[in-house]
Protein backbone atom coordinates (compact mmCIF):
# COMPACT_ATOMS: atom_id res chain seq x y z
CA MET A 1 -4.10 -10.36 21.37
CA LYS A 2 -5.20 -6.94 20.19
CA THR A 3 -8.42 -6.14 18.37
CA VAL A 4 -8.64 -3.05 16.20
CA LYS A 5 -12.28 -2.32 15.41
CA ALA A 6 -13.47 -0.83 12.12
CA SER A 7 -14.27 2.44 13.87
CA ALA A 8 -10.58 2.79 14.87
CA GLY A 9 -9.46 3.18 11.24
CA THR A 10 -8.64 6.56 9.79
CA SER A 11 -8.76 7.73 6.20
CA TYR A 12 -5.50 8.94 4.76
CA ASP A 13 -4.10 10.78 1.79
CA ALA A 14 -0.75 9.13 1.04
CA LYS A 15 2.14 11.39 0.06
CA LYS A 16 3.11 11.27 -3.64
CA HIS A 17 -0.04 9.28 -4.51
CA PHE A 18 -2.78 10.42 -6.89
CA ASN A 19 -6.35 9.35 -7.71
CA MET A 20 -6.51 7.15 -4.61
CA TRP A 21 -7.95 7.10 -1.12
CA GLY A 22 -7.40 4.74 1.74
CA MET A 23 -8.18 3.63 5.25
CA LYS A 24 -5.43 2.66 7.71
CA LYS A 25 -5.23 0.94 11.07
CA ILE A 26 -2.26 1.02 13.39
CA CYS A 27 -1.53 -1.91 15.67
CA PRO A 28 -1.12 -1.89 18.54
CA GLN A 29 -2.64 1.45 19.39
CA ASP A 30 -0.71 1.98 22.62
CA GLY A 31 2.17 4.06 21.23
CA THR A 32 4.47 1.12 20.46
CA ALA A 33 3.06 0.61 16.94
CA ARG A 34 5.28 -0.99 14.37
CA LEU A 35 2.60 -2.36 12.07
CA THR A 36 0.20 -0.41 9.85
CA ILE A 37 -2.44 -2.13 7.73
CA SER A 38 -4.12 -0.09 5.00
CA ILE A 39 -6.62 -0.61 2.23
CA SER A 40 -5.76 1.60 -0.75
CA HIS A 41 -8.32 2.20 -3.48
CA PHE A 42 -6.77 3.40 -6.75
CA LEU A 43 -9.01 4.87 -9.42
CA PRO A 44 -8.19 4.31 -13.11
CA ASN A 45 -5.06 6.37 -13.88
CA GLY A 46 -4.26 6.33 -10.16
CA GLY A 47 -0.94 5.47 -8.58
CA GLY A 48 2.09 6.66 -6.72
CA GLU A 49 5.26 8.47 -7.79
CA MET A 50 8.71 6.87 -7.54
CA SER A 51 9.81 7.02 -3.91
CA SER A 52 11.40 4.95 -1.17
CA SER A 53 10.85 4.40 2.54
CA ASP A 54 12.82 3.10 5.49
CA LYS A 55 9.99 0.62 6.19
CA GLU A 56 9.23 -2.85 4.88
CA ARG A 57 6.08 -3.05 2.74
CA VAL A 58 3.88 -5.73 1.26
CA TYR A 59 1.23 -4.92 -1.35
CA TYR A 60 -1.46 -7.57 -1.81
CA VAL A 61 -3.85 -6.92 -4.69
CA LEU A 62 -7.45 -7.55 -3.65
CA SER A 63 -9.07 -6.50 -6.93
CA GLY A 64 -8.08 -4.95 -10.24
CA SER A 65 -4.53 -4.75 -11.52
CA ILE A 66 -1.48 -2.60 -10.76
CA THR A 67 2.05 -2.27 -12.08
CA VAL A 68 4.83 -1.72 -9.55
CA ARG A 69 8.10 -0.42 -10.99
CA GLY A 70 11.55 -0.31 -9.43
CA LYS A 71 14.73 1.22 -10.80
CA ASN A 72 15.32 -1.62 -13.27
CA GLU A 73 12.27 -3.84 -12.96
CA GLU A 74 8.53 -3.96 -13.54
CA HIS A 75 5.92 -6.19 -11.88
CA PHE A 76 2.39 -6.65 -13.25
CA LEU A 77 0.09 -7.70 -10.39
CA GLU A 78 -3.51 -8.93 -10.46
CA ALA A 79 -5.97 -9.93 -7.74
CA GLY A 80 -4.33 -12.48 -5.43
CA ASP A 81 -0.76 -11.38 -6.28
CA MET A 82 1.55 -9.72 -3.78
CA ILE A 83 4.92 -8.01 -3.78
CA TYR A 84 7.44 -7.43 -0.98
CA ILE A 85 9.37 -4.14 -1.00
CA ALA A 86 12.47 -3.94 1.21
CA PRO A 87 13.41 -0.83 3.20
CA GLY A 88 15.11 1.74 0.94
CA GLU A 89 13.86 0.16 -2.29
CA GLU A 90 12.39 2.67 -4.74
CA ARG A 91 9.04 1.92 -6.32
CA SER A 92 6.19 3.53 -8.23
CA ILE A 93 2.65 2.21 -8.65
CA GLU A 94 0.03 2.64 -11.34
CA THR A 95 -3.38 1.18 -12.01
CA ASN A 96 -3.71 -0.88 -15.18
CA GLY A 97 -6.69 -0.46 -17.50
CA VAL A 98 -10.00 1.25 -16.87
CA GLN A 99 -10.98 -0.60 -13.68
CA PRO A 100 -10.07 0.58 -10.17
CA ALA A 101 -7.64 -1.47 -8.09
CA THR A 102 -7.74 -2.19 -4.37
CA THR A 103 -4.66 -3.23 -2.42
CA LEU A 104 -4.01 -4.37 1.12
CA VAL A 105 -0.83 -2.60 2.25
CA ILE A 106 1.16 -3.89 5.21
CA VAL A 107 3.89 -1.56 6.51
CA VAL A 108 6.36 -2.69 9.18
CA ASP A 109 8.51 -0.17 11.01
CA VAL A 110 12.05 -1.52 11.21
CA TRP A 111 13.42 -0.93 14.70
C-alpha cells in the first residue's frame, strides 16, 4: 500500500484550460507513477479547449455541472456523474451555469 499525504499534492495549471485551478497527486511517488489523481475547480465560464491525450481519463463531478464535448457528442454531467475518456479521444469541457464545478480527475498512463 502507498499513502500520499495532503502535503504531497501540488497545485497545477492545466494546459489549454481556463478559469480553473487544481491540486494533483501522483502515485506512487517513486518514479514508476502511472496514476495521477487531481481535483479541478472550474469557475463559472471555466473549462478546457478541445484536445486529446495518450492517457486514459475519468472525470467524476463532485459538485456543480459541466458539459464534456467530443467530435460528435455532448455529455451534460452533474454531481455524482462520471465520464470515461479513452486515449486519443478529443474532448472539451465547460462549466454550466453560474456556479463553479469541482471534478475528481483520474489519469492513467498507458504503458
